[in-house]
Amino acid sequence: MAKELGFFGKTAKFFKSVKSELKKVNWPNKEEITSNTLVVIVTVIALISFIGLIDLALANIITPLIS
């Protein structure tokens, strides 16, 4: 029968597992981070522009109806 671990034993086992899993992570290099950041910035700008245009169009359509 397996010996039951106490609080500190479970905590140590958890951190050993975390360390083991972090060694398996495929960390991105600088070029990948830069290109992914650029994609995110361009996407956010595009979405802001699209939502802003839709908001402006709807405001111009609805404002005369309620005035």
N, C-alpha and C. Protein backbone atom coordinates (compact mmCIF):
# COMPACT_ATOMS: atom_id res chain seq x y z
N MET A 1 0.84 -1.19 0.00
CA MET A 1 0.00 0.00 0.00
C MET A 1 0.89 1.25 0.00
N ALA A 2 0.52 2.21 -0.81
CA ALA A 2 1.33 3.43 -0.94
C ALA A 2 1.21 4.29 0.31
N LYS A 3 2.32 4.88 0.68
CA LYS A 3 2.36 5.77 1.83
C LYS A 3 1.67 7.08 1.46
N GLU A 4 0.77 7.55 2.31
CA GLU A 4 0.06 8.80 2.04
C GLU A 4 0.98 9.98 2.33
N LEU A 5 1.02 10.91 1.40
CA LEU A 5 1.87 12.08 1.56
C LEU A 5 1.14 13.13 2.40
N GLY A 6 1.90 13.85 3.20
CA GLY A 6 1.33 14.96 3.95
C GLY A 6 1.25 16.20 3.06
N PHE A 7 0.89 17.30 3.67
CA PHE A 7 0.75 18.56 2.94
C PHE A 7 2.04 18.94 2.22
N PHE A 8 3.16 18.90 2.94
CA PHE A 8 4.44 19.31 2.35
C PHE A 8 4.91 18.33 1.28
N GLY A 9 4.62 17.05 1.47
CA GLY A 9 4.97 16.05 0.46
C GLY A 9 4.19 16.26 -0.82
N LYS A 10 2.89 16.56 -0.67
CA LYS A 10 2.05 16.82 -1.85
C LYS A 10 2.49 18.09 -2.56
N THR A 11 2.85 19.10 -1.77
CA THR A 11 3.30 20.37 -2.35
C THR A 11 4.60 20.17 -3.13
N ALA A 12 5.54 19.43 -2.55
CA ALA A 12 6.80 19.17 -3.22
C ALA A 12 6.58 18.38 -4.50
N LYS A 13 5.70 17.39 -4.44
CA LYS A 13 5.39 16.58 -5.62
C LYS A 13 4.77 17.45 -6.72
N PHE A 14 3.88 18.38 -6.32
CA PHE A 14 3.25 19.29 -7.28
C PHE A 14 4.31 20.13 -8.00
N PHE A 15 5.23 20.73 -7.24
CA PHE A 15 6.23 21.60 -7.86
C PHE A 15 7.22 20.80 -8.72
N LYS A 16 7.50 19.57 -8.35
CA LYS A 16 8.34 18.73 -9.20
C LYS A 16 7.63 18.44 -10.52
N SER A 17 6.32 18.21 -10.45
CA SER A 17 5.55 17.97 -11.67
C SER A 17 5.51 19.22 -12.55
N VAL A 18 5.35 20.38 -11.92
CA VAL A 18 5.34 21.64 -12.67
C VAL A 18 6.67 21.84 -13.38
N LYS A 19 7.76 21.61 -12.67
CA LYS A 19 9.10 21.77 -13.26
C LYS A 19 9.28 20.82 -14.44
N SER A 20 8.80 19.60 -14.28
CA SER A 20 8.91 18.61 -15.35
C SER A 20 8.11 19.03 -16.58
N GLU A 21 6.89 19.53 -16.36
CA GLU A 21 6.05 19.96 -17.48
C GLU A 21 6.62 21.19 -18.18
N LEU A 22 7.20 22.12 -17.42
CA LEU A 22 7.77 23.32 -18.02
C LEU A 22 8.97 23.00 -18.91
N LYS A 23 9.65 21.91 -18.63
CA LYS A 23 10.77 21.50 -19.49
C LYS A 23 10.26 21.02 -20.85
N LYS A 24 9.01 20.60 -20.92
CA LYS A 24 8.44 20.09 -22.17
C LYS A 24 7.88 21.21 -23.06
N VAL A 25 7.74 22.40 -22.51
CA VAL A 25 7.14 23.51 -23.24
C VAL A 25 8.05 23.95 -24.38
N ASN A 26 7.46 24.18 -25.54
CA ASN A 26 8.19 24.69 -26.69
C ASN A 26 8.07 26.21 -26.68
N TRP A 27 9.04 26.88 -26.07
CA TRP A 27 9.00 28.32 -25.92
C TRP A 27 9.29 28.99 -27.26
N PRO A 28 8.53 30.05 -27.62
CA PRO A 28 8.77 30.73 -28.89
C PRO A 28 10.07 31.55 -28.86
N ASN A 29 10.66 31.70 -30.05
CA ASN A 29 11.86 32.53 -30.12
C ASN A 29 11.46 33.98 -30.38
N LYS A 30 12.43 34.86 -30.46
CA LYS A 30 12.16 36.29 -30.58
C LYS A 30 11.40 36.62 -31.87
N GLU A 31 11.75 35.95 -32.97
CA GLU A 31 11.07 36.22 -34.24
C GLU A 31 9.60 35.83 -34.18
N GLU A 32 9.31 34.69 -33.56
CA GLU A 32 7.91 34.24 -33.44
C GLU A 32 7.10 35.19 -32.56
N ILE A 33 7.70 35.65 -31.48
CA ILE A 33 7.01 36.59 -30.59
C ILE A 33 6.72 37.89 -31.33
N THR A 34 7.71 38.38 -32.07
CA THR A 34 7.54 39.63 -32.81
C THR A 34 6.44 39.51 -33.86
N SER A 35 6.45 38.43 -34.63
CA SER A 35 5.44 38.27 -35.68
C SER A 35 4.05 38.06 -35.08
N ASN A 36 3.95 37.30 -34.00
CA ASN A 36 2.65 37.09 -33.37
C ASN A 36 2.11 38.37 -32.76
N THR A 37 2.99 39.18 -32.17
CA THR A 37 2.58 40.46 -31.61
C THR A 37 2.07 41.38 -32.71
N LEU A 38 2.75 41.40 -33.84
CA LEU A 38 2.31 42.22 -34.97
C LEU A 38 0.94 41.77 -35.48
N VAL A 39 0.71 40.48 -35.55
CA VAL A 39 -0.60 39.96 -35.97
C VAL A 39 -1.68 40.42 -35.01
N VAL A 40 -1.41 40.36 -33.72
CA VAL A 40 -2.40 40.78 -32.72
C VAL A 40 -2.70 42.27 -32.85
N ILE A 41 -1.67 43.09 -33.01
CA ILE A 41 -1.87 44.54 -33.12
C ILE A 41 -2.68 44.88 -34.37
N VAL A 42 -2.34 44.27 -35.50
CA VAL A 42 -3.08 44.54 -36.75
C VAL A 42 -4.53 44.08 -36.61
N THR A 43 -4.76 42.92 -36.02
CA THR A 43 -6.12 42.42 -35.84
C THR A 43 -6.93 43.34 -34.94
N VAL A 44 -6.34 43.80 -33.86
CA VAL A 44 -7.05 44.70 -32.94
C VAL A 44 -7.40 46.01 -33.65
N ILE A 45 -6.47 46.56 -34.40
CA ILE A 45 -6.74 47.81 -35.14
C ILE A 45 -7.86 47.60 -36.16
N ALA A 46 -7.84 46.47 -36.87
CA ALA A 46 -8.89 46.18 -37.84
C ALA A 46 -10.25 46.05 -37.16
N LEU A 47 -10.30 45.37 -36.05
CA LEU A 47 -11.57 45.21 -35.34
C LEU A 47 -12.08 46.54 -34.78
N ILE A 48 -11.17 47.34 -34.25
CA ILE A 48 -11.57 48.67 -33.74
C ILE A 48 -12.15 49.50 -34.87
N SER A 49 -11.51 49.49 -36.03
CA SER A 49 -11.99 50.25 -37.18
C SER A 49 -13.36 49.76 -37.64
N PHE A 50 -13.52 48.45 -37.74
CA PHE A 50 -14.79 47.87 -38.18
C PHE A 50 -15.92 48.21 -37.20
N ILE A 51 -15.69 48.02 -35.93
CA ILE A 51 -16.73 48.30 -34.93
C ILE A 51 -17.03 49.79 -34.89
N GLY A 52 -16.00 50.63 -35.03
CA GLY A 52 -16.21 52.08 -35.06
C GLY A 52 -17.06 52.51 -36.25
N LEU A 53 -16.79 51.94 -37.43
CA LEU A 53 -17.58 52.28 -38.61
C LEU A 53 -19.04 51.82 -38.47
N ILE A 54 -19.24 50.62 -37.95
CA ILE A 54 -20.60 50.13 -37.73
C ILE A 54 -21.32 51.03 -36.73
N ASP A 55 -20.65 51.42 -35.66
CA ASP A 55 -21.25 52.31 -34.65
C ASP A 55 -21.63 53.65 -35.26
N LEU A 56 -20.73 54.21 -36.07
CA LEU A 56 -21.00 55.49 -36.71
C LEU A 56 -22.18 55.40 -37.66
N ALA A 57 -22.23 54.33 -38.45
CA ALA A 57 -23.33 54.15 -39.39
C ALA A 57 -24.65 53.99 -38.66
N LEU A 58 -24.68 53.18 -37.65
CA LEU A 58 -25.94 52.98 -36.90
C LEU A 58 -26.36 54.26 -36.17
N ALA A 59 -25.40 55.01 -35.66
CA ALA A 59 -25.73 56.27 -34.99
C ALA A 59 -26.34 57.25 -35.99
N ASN A 60 -25.81 57.31 -37.21
CA ASN A 60 -26.36 58.21 -38.22
C ASN A 60 -27.74 57.76 -38.71
N ILE A 61 -28.01 56.48 -38.64
CA ILE A 61 -29.32 55.99 -39.05
C ILE A 61 -30.36 56.21 -37.94
N ILE A 62 -29.98 55.95 -36.70
CA ILE A 62 -30.93 56.00 -35.59
C ILE A 62 -31.19 57.40 -35.09
N THR A 63 -30.17 58.27 -35.10
CA THR A 63 -30.33 59.63 -34.56
C THR A 63 -31.48 60.39 -35.23
N PRO A 64 -31.63 60.39 -36.55
CA PRO A 64 -32.77 61.11 -37.13
C PRO A 64 -34.12 60.50 -36.75
N LEU A 65 -34.16 59.23 -36.47
CA LEU A 65 -35.42 58.58 -36.12
C LEU A 65 -35.90 58.95 -34.73
N ILE A 66 -34.99 59.25 -33.81
CA ILE A 66 -35.42 59.58 -32.45
C ILE A 66 -35.41 61.08 -32.18
N SER A 67 -34.98 61.88 -33.14
CA SER A 67 -34.97 63.33 -32.94
C SER A 67 -36.26 63.96 -33.38
